[in-house]
Amino acid sequence: MTRLPVISGKKAIRALKRIDYNIDHQTGSHVILRCMKPPYRRLTVPDHKELAPGTLRSIIREAGITVERFVELLRK
């Protein structure tokens, strides 16, 4: 099992944009992303300097990808 990286909300958003998530809107410090192809998932990513491990794992799970795939997206 791949370890979760310690990243900011901005880096997580940048990685998710690579798999067709776009910023829908922002409420306070939380950015709402929407997938532009089915199943049209909606993700909420806190725009913090460092995401908590549980929060990041939840975002990855809701995006429907694996931790390994997420780490690959960060490297691109």
N, C-alpha and C. Protein backbone atom coordinates (compact mmCIF):
# COMPACT_ATOMS: atom_id res chain seq x y z
N MET A 1 0.83 -1.17 0.00
CA MET A 1 0.00 0.00 0.00
C MET A 1 0.89 1.25 0.00
N THR A 2 0.61 2.16 -0.88
CA THR A 2 1.37 3.39 -1.00
C THR A 2 1.01 4.35 0.12
N ARG A 3 2.02 5.00 0.67
CA ARG A 3 1.78 5.99 1.72
C ARG A 3 1.15 7.24 1.13
N LEU A 4 0.30 7.87 1.91
CA LEU A 4 -0.30 9.12 1.48
C LEU A 4 0.74 10.24 1.52
N PRO A 5 0.80 11.06 0.50
CA PRO A 5 1.72 12.19 0.52
C PRO A 5 1.18 13.29 1.43
N VAL A 6 2.05 14.14 1.93
CA VAL A 6 1.63 15.31 2.69
C VAL A 6 1.63 16.47 1.71
N ILE A 7 0.42 16.93 1.34
CA ILE A 7 0.30 17.97 0.31
C ILE A 7 -0.70 19.03 0.74
N SER A 8 -0.71 20.13 0.00
CA SER A 8 -1.66 21.20 0.25
C SER A 8 -2.93 20.94 -0.55
N GLY A 9 -3.95 21.70 -0.24
CA GLY A 9 -5.20 21.60 -0.98
C GLY A 9 -5.01 22.01 -2.43
N LYS A 10 -4.18 23.02 -2.68
CA LYS A 10 -3.93 23.47 -4.06
C LYS A 10 -3.30 22.37 -4.91
N LYS A 11 -2.36 21.61 -4.33
CA LYS A 11 -1.73 20.52 -5.08
C LYS A 11 -2.74 19.40 -5.35
N ALA A 12 -3.61 19.13 -4.39
CA ALA A 12 -4.64 18.11 -4.59
C ALA A 12 -5.58 18.53 -5.72
N ILE A 13 -5.97 19.80 -5.74
CA ILE A 13 -6.85 20.30 -6.79
C ILE A 13 -6.16 20.20 -8.15
N ARG A 14 -4.89 20.55 -8.21
CA ARG A 14 -4.14 20.48 -9.46
C ARG A 14 -4.11 19.03 -9.97
N ALA A 15 -3.91 18.07 -9.09
CA ALA A 15 -3.88 16.65 -9.50
C ALA A 15 -5.25 16.20 -9.99
N LEU A 16 -6.31 16.62 -9.29
CA LEU A 16 -7.66 16.20 -9.68
C LEU A 16 -8.10 16.83 -11.00
N LYS A 17 -7.57 17.99 -11.32
CA LYS A 17 -7.90 18.62 -12.60
C LYS A 17 -7.40 17.77 -13.76
N ARG A 18 -6.38 16.98 -13.53
CA ARG A 18 -5.82 16.13 -14.59
C ARG A 18 -6.74 14.98 -14.95
N ILE A 19 -7.74 14.70 -14.12
CA ILE A 19 -8.71 13.64 -14.44
C ILE A 19 -10.11 14.23 -14.59
N ASP A 20 -10.19 15.39 -15.22
CA ASP A 20 -11.45 16.03 -15.63
C ASP A 20 -12.29 16.60 -14.49
N TYR A 21 -11.68 16.96 -13.37
CA TYR A 21 -12.40 17.71 -12.34
C TYR A 21 -12.10 19.18 -12.55
N ASN A 22 -13.14 20.00 -12.51
CA ASN A 22 -12.99 21.44 -12.66
C ASN A 22 -13.57 22.14 -11.45
N ILE A 23 -13.07 23.33 -11.17
CA ILE A 23 -13.59 24.09 -10.04
C ILE A 23 -14.98 24.58 -10.39
N ASP A 24 -15.95 24.24 -9.53
CA ASP A 24 -17.33 24.67 -9.69
C ASP A 24 -17.52 26.01 -8.98
N HIS A 25 -17.16 26.03 -7.69
CA HIS A 25 -17.21 27.27 -6.92
C HIS A 25 -16.43 27.09 -5.63
N GLN A 26 -16.33 28.16 -4.87
CA GLN A 26 -15.61 28.10 -3.60
C GLN A 26 -16.48 28.75 -2.53
N THR A 27 -16.55 28.09 -1.37
CA THR A 27 -17.26 28.62 -0.22
C THR A 27 -16.28 28.69 0.93
N GLY A 28 -15.87 29.90 1.28
CA GLY A 28 -14.87 30.06 2.33
C GLY A 28 -13.56 29.46 1.87
N SER A 29 -13.02 28.55 2.70
CA SER A 29 -11.75 27.92 2.35
C SER A 29 -11.93 26.56 1.70
N HIS A 30 -13.15 26.23 1.28
CA HIS A 30 -13.41 24.94 0.65
C HIS A 30 -13.74 25.14 -0.83
N VAL A 31 -13.01 24.41 -1.67
CA VAL A 31 -13.20 24.48 -3.11
C VAL A 31 -14.04 23.29 -3.54
N ILE A 32 -15.10 23.56 -4.30
CA ILE A 32 -16.00 22.51 -4.78
C ILE A 32 -15.61 22.19 -6.21
N LEU A 33 -15.26 20.92 -6.45
CA LEU A 33 -14.89 20.45 -7.78
C LEU A 33 -16.01 19.58 -8.34
N ARG A 34 -16.20 19.63 -9.65
CA ARG A 34 -17.23 18.83 -10.30
C ARG A 34 -16.58 18.08 -11.46
N CYS A 35 -16.88 16.79 -11.58
CA CYS A 35 -16.36 15.99 -12.69
C CYS A 35 -17.20 16.27 -13.92
N MET A 36 -16.55 16.47 -15.05
CA MET A 36 -17.25 16.87 -16.26
C MET A 36 -17.74 15.69 -17.10
N LYS A 37 -17.50 14.46 -16.65
CA LYS A 37 -18.01 13.30 -17.37
C LYS A 37 -18.66 12.36 -16.36
N PRO A 38 -19.53 11.48 -16.82
CA PRO A 38 -20.23 10.60 -15.88
C PRO A 38 -19.27 9.84 -15.00
N PRO A 39 -19.57 9.64 -13.76
CA PRO A 39 -20.82 9.85 -13.02
C PRO A 39 -20.98 11.24 -12.41
N TYR A 40 -20.31 12.26 -12.90
CA TYR A 40 -20.48 13.66 -12.46
C TYR A 40 -20.32 13.83 -10.96
N ARG A 41 -19.25 13.29 -10.43
CA ARG A 41 -19.00 13.38 -8.98
C ARG A 41 -18.72 14.82 -8.56
N ARG A 42 -18.97 15.09 -7.29
CA ARG A 42 -18.71 16.40 -6.70
C ARG A 42 -17.78 16.19 -5.52
N LEU A 43 -16.69 16.93 -5.48
CA LEU A 43 -15.72 16.81 -4.39
C LEU A 43 -15.55 18.15 -3.69
N THR A 44 -15.33 18.10 -2.39
CA THR A 44 -15.02 19.28 -1.62
C THR A 44 -13.59 19.14 -1.10
N VAL A 45 -12.74 20.09 -1.48
CA VAL A 45 -11.33 20.05 -1.08
C VAL A 45 -11.03 21.30 -0.27
N PRO A 46 -10.58 21.14 0.99
CA PRO A 46 -10.20 22.31 1.77
C PRO A 46 -8.94 22.95 1.19
N ASP A 47 -8.94 24.26 1.09
CA ASP A 47 -7.78 24.98 0.56
C ASP A 47 -6.85 25.32 1.72
N HIS A 48 -6.27 24.28 2.32
CA HIS A 48 -5.38 24.44 3.47
C HIS A 48 -3.94 24.19 3.06
N LYS A 49 -3.00 24.64 3.88
CA LYS A 49 -1.58 24.42 3.58
C LYS A 49 -1.22 22.95 3.63
N GLU A 50 -1.86 22.20 4.50
CA GLU A 50 -1.59 20.77 4.62
C GLU A 50 -2.90 20.05 4.90
N LEU A 51 -3.22 19.05 4.07
CA LEU A 51 -4.44 18.28 4.26
C LEU A 51 -4.19 17.16 5.27
N ALA A 52 -5.15 16.96 6.15
CA ALA A 52 -5.06 15.86 7.11
C ALA A 52 -5.12 14.54 6.35
N PRO A 53 -4.41 13.52 6.83
CA PRO A 53 -4.39 12.23 6.11
C PRO A 53 -5.78 11.64 5.88
N GLY A 54 -6.63 11.70 6.86
CA GLY A 54 -7.99 11.15 6.70
C GLY A 54 -8.79 11.92 5.68
N THR A 55 -8.62 13.23 5.64
CA THR A 55 -9.33 14.06 4.67
C THR A 55 -8.85 13.74 3.26
N LEU A 56 -7.55 13.64 3.09
CA LEU A 56 -7.00 13.32 1.76
C LEU A 56 -7.45 11.93 1.31
N ARG A 57 -7.42 10.96 2.21
CA ARG A 57 -7.85 9.61 1.84
C ARG A 57 -9.33 9.62 1.43
N SER A 58 -10.15 10.39 2.12
CA SER A 58 -11.57 10.49 1.79
C SER A 58 -11.78 11.13 0.42
N ILE A 59 -11.01 12.18 0.13
CA ILE A 59 -11.12 12.84 -1.17
C ILE A 59 -10.75 11.87 -2.30
N ILE A 60 -9.67 11.12 -2.10
CA ILE A 60 -9.23 10.15 -3.10
C ILE A 60 -10.30 9.08 -3.32
N ARG A 61 -10.87 8.58 -2.23
CA ARG A 61 -11.91 7.56 -2.31
C ARG A 61 -13.14 8.10 -3.04
N GLU A 62 -13.56 9.32 -2.72
CA GLU A 62 -14.73 9.91 -3.37
C GLU A 62 -14.48 10.18 -4.85
N ALA A 63 -13.24 10.43 -5.22
CA ALA A 63 -12.90 10.65 -6.63
C ALA A 63 -12.94 9.35 -7.43
N GLY A 64 -12.95 8.23 -6.73
CA GLY A 64 -13.02 6.94 -7.41
C GLY A 64 -11.69 6.46 -7.96
N ILE A 65 -10.59 6.89 -7.35
CA ILE A 65 -9.27 6.45 -7.79
C ILE A 65 -8.52 5.85 -6.60
N THR A 66 -7.40 5.23 -6.89
CA THR A 66 -6.58 4.64 -5.84
C THR A 66 -5.52 5.64 -5.38
N VAL A 67 -4.91 5.36 -4.25
CA VAL A 67 -3.83 6.21 -3.75
C VAL A 67 -2.66 6.20 -4.75
N GLU A 68 -2.37 5.03 -5.33
CA GLU A 68 -1.29 4.92 -6.29
C GLU A 68 -1.54 5.82 -7.50
N ARG A 69 -2.77 5.81 -7.99
CA ARG A 69 -3.14 6.64 -9.14
C ARG A 69 -3.02 8.13 -8.78
N PHE A 70 -3.44 8.49 -7.58
CA PHE A 70 -3.35 9.88 -7.13
C PHE A 70 -1.89 10.34 -7.07
N VAL A 71 -1.02 9.48 -6.56
CA VAL A 71 0.41 9.82 -6.49
C VAL A 71 0.97 10.01 -7.90
N GLU A 72 0.54 9.19 -8.86
CA GLU A 72 0.97 9.35 -10.25
C GLU A 72 0.52 10.71 -10.80
N LEU A 73 -0.69 11.12 -10.47
CA LEU A 73 -1.21 12.41 -10.94
C LEU A 73 -0.41 13.56 -10.36
N LEU A 74 0.08 13.41 -9.14
CA LEU A 74 0.89 14.46 -8.52
C LEU A 74 2.21 14.63 -9.24
N ARG A 75 2.76 13.55 -9.79
CA ARG A 75 4.07 13.58 -10.42
C ARG A 75 4.04 14.15 -11.83
N LYS A 76 2.86 14.19 -12.46
CA LYS A 76 2.76 14.67 -13.85
C LYS A 76 2.96 16.16 -13.92
